[in-house]
C-alpha atoms as a PDB file:
ATOM      1  CA  MET A   1     -10.460 -18.160   4.297  1.00  0.00           C
ATOM      2  CA  ALA A   2      -7.197 -16.284   4.801  1.00  0.00           C
ATOM      3  CA  THR A   3      -7.123 -12.531   4.286  1.00  0.00           C
ATOM      4  CA  LYS A   4      -5.010 -11.120   1.478  1.00  0.00           C
ATOM      5  CA  GLU A   5      -1.920  -9.105   2.343  1.00  0.00           C
ATOM      6  CA  LYS A   6       0.214  -6.783   0.228  1.00  0.00           C
ATOM      7  CA  ILE A   7       3.498  -4.940   0.789  1.00  0.00           C
ATOM      8  CA  GLY A   8       3.836  -1.433  -0.617  1.00  0.00           C
ATOM      9  CA  THR A   9       5.170   2.096  -0.212  1.00  0.00           C
ATOM     10  CA  VAL A  10       3.164   5.039   1.135  1.00  0.00           C
ATOM     11  CA  VAL A  11       2.791   7.803  -1.468  1.00  0.00           C
ATOM     12  CA  SER A  12       0.213  10.027   0.274  1.00  0.00           C
ATOM     13  CA  ASN A  13      -0.901  10.599   3.866  1.00  0.00           C
ATOM     14  CA  ARG A  14      -2.827  13.870   3.508  1.00  0.00           C
ATOM     15  CA  MET A  15      -6.218  12.408   4.407  1.00  0.00           C
ATOM     16  CA  ASP A  16      -7.329  11.799   7.987  1.00  0.00           C
ATOM     17  CA  LYS A  17      -6.825   8.130   8.967  1.00  0.00           C
ATOM     18  CA  THR A  18      -6.228   7.169   5.326  1.00  0.00           C
ATOM     19  CA  ILE A  19      -3.058   6.533   3.323  1.00  0.00           C
ATOM     20  CA  VAL A  20      -2.456   5.722  -0.326  1.00  0.00           C
ATOM     21  CA  ILE A  21       0.118   3.061  -1.086  1.00  0.00           C
ATOM     22  CA  THR A  22       1.565   1.733  -4.326  1.00  0.00           C
ATOM     23  CA  VAL A  23       2.234  -1.965  -4.843  1.00  0.00           C
ATOM     24  CA  GLU A  24       4.640  -2.925  -7.620  1.00  0.00           C
ATOM     25  CA  ASP A  25       4.284  -6.271  -9.372  1.00  0.00           C
ATOM     26  CA  LYS A  26       6.949  -7.598 -11.737  1.00  0.00           C
ATOM     27  CA  TYR A  27       6.042 -10.208 -14.321  1.00  0.00           C
ATOM     28  CA  ALA A  28       7.399 -11.620 -17.572  1.00  0.00           C
ATOM     29  CA  HIS A  29       5.725 -10.796 -20.884  1.00  0.00           C
ATOM     30  CA  PRO A  30       3.932 -13.953 -22.049  1.00  0.00           C
ATOM     31  CA  ILE A  31       5.518 -13.969 -25.535  1.00  0.00           C
ATOM     32  CA  TYR A  32       8.736 -11.946 -25.386  1.00  0.00           C
ATOM     33  CA  GLY A  33       9.841 -12.711 -21.828  1.00  0.00           C
ATOM     34  CA  LYS A  34      10.726  -9.100 -21.002  1.00  0.00           C
ATOM     35  CA  THR A  35      10.217  -8.193 -17.339  1.00  0.00           C
ATOM     36  CA  LEU A  36       7.449  -5.615 -16.942  1.00  0.00           C
ATOM     37  CA  LYS A  37       6.309  -3.607 -13.916  1.00  0.00           C
ATOM     38  CA  LYS A  38       2.676  -3.048 -13.012  1.00  0.00           C
ATOM     39  CA  THR A  39       1.809  -0.536 -10.281  1.00  0.00           C
ATOM     40  CA  ASN A  40      -1.460  -0.562  -8.346  1.00  0.00           C
ATOM     41  CA  ARG A  41      -2.616   2.074  -5.859  1.00  0.00           C
ATOM     42  CA  PHE A  42      -4.641   1.162  -2.782  1.00  0.00           C
ATOM     43  CA  MET A  43      -6.292   3.316  -0.125  1.00  0.00           C
ATOM     44  CA  ALA A  44      -5.775   1.890   3.354  1.00  0.00           C
ATOM     45  CA  HIS A  45      -7.063   2.733   6.830  1.00  0.00           C
ATOM     46  CA  ASP A  46      -4.422   4.110   9.229  1.00  0.00           C
ATOM     47  CA  GLU A  47      -6.128   4.515  12.616  1.00  0.00           C
ATOM     48  CA  GLN A  48      -3.285   6.357  14.427  1.00  0.00           C
ATOM     49  CA  ASN A  49      -2.081   8.439  11.434  1.00  0.00           C
ATOM     50  CA  SER A  50       1.360   6.927  12.079  1.00  0.00           C
ATOM     51  CA  CYS A  51       2.476   6.325   8.466  1.00  0.00           C
ATOM     52  CA  GLY A  52       4.582   8.849   6.575  1.00  0.00           C
ATOM     53  CA  ILE A  53       5.442   9.226   2.913  1.00  0.00           C
ATOM     54  CA  GLY A  54       8.033   6.669   1.855  1.00  0.00           C
ATOM     55  CA  ASP A  55       7.271   4.154   4.616  1.00  0.00           C
ATOM     56  CA  LYS A  56       7.085   0.491   3.633  1.00  0.00           C
ATOM     57  CA  VAL A  57       3.930  -1.114   5.062  1.00  0.00           C
ATOM     58  CA  ILE A  58       1.944  -4.345   5.053  1.00  0.00           C
ATOM     59  CA  ILE A  59      -1.786  -3.929   4.398  1.00  0.00           C
ATOM     60  CA  SER A  60      -4.477  -6.556   4.821  1.00  0.00           C
ATOM     61  CA  GLU A  61      -7.893  -6.854   3.245  1.00  0.00           C
ATOM     62  CA  THR A  62     -10.855  -5.859   5.411  1.00  0.00           C
ATOM     63  CA  ARG A  63     -14.547  -5.051   5.088  1.00  0.00           C
ATOM     64  CA  PRO A  64     -15.431  -1.963   3.019  1.00  0.00           C
ATOM     65  CA  LEU A  65     -14.727   1.128   5.146  1.00  0.00           C
ATOM     66  CA  SER A  66     -15.681   3.684   2.490  1.00  0.00           C
ATOM     67  CA  ARG A  67     -16.246   3.866  -1.262  1.00  0.00           C
ATOM     68  CA  LYS A  68     -12.590   3.190  -2.140  1.00  0.00           C
ATOM     69  CA  LYS A  69     -11.112   1.929   1.138  1.00  0.00           C
ATOM     70  CA  ARG A  70     -11.025  -1.867   1.591  1.00  0.00           C
ATOM     71  CA  TRP A  71      -7.561  -2.291   3.159  1.00  0.00           C
ATOM     72  CA  ALA A  72      -6.101  -1.588   6.596  1.00  0.00           C
ATOM     73  CA  VAL A  73      -2.509  -1.094   7.752  1.00  0.00           C
ATOM     74  CA  LYS A  74      -1.308  -4.219   9.523  1.00  0.00           C
ATOM     75  CA  GLN A  75       2.341  -3.356  10.171  1.00  0.00           C
ATOM     76  CA  ILE A  76       4.921  -0.684   9.351  1.00  0.00           C
ATOM     77  CA  LEU A  77       8.078  -2.395   8.098  1.00  0.00           C
ATOM     78  CA  THR A  78      10.403   0.593   7.660  1.00  0.00           C
ATOM     79  CA  LYS A  79      10.039   4.259   8.594  1.00  0.00           C
ATOM     80  CA  THR A  80      11.709   6.981   6.535  1.00  0.00           C
ATOM     81  CA  GLN A  81      12.996  10.338   7.700  1.00  0.00           C
ATOM     82  CA  ILE A  82      12.083  13.022   5.173  1.00  0.00           C
ATOM     83  CA  SER A  83      13.574  16.410   5.860  1.00  0.00           C
ATOM     84  CA  ASN A  84      11.846  19.516   4.513  1.00  0.00           C
END
């Protein structure tokens, strides 16, 4: 069986080897047809701590690594430069 993959944006990287990403899903309302957005947050394993806030990443499903962490970073699509 193929593993699931999702594309999302990193919103937090404060934890060690863990990032939080948001995945946005757009769908049409079943009756009215209006386009709605649904946002899900996933915790993913980042072994090298290489992801920064705002990066676009691909995550893939993996075995449970902790209570809330069932995803791992597969690839970083775009890096962002945030200046403080």
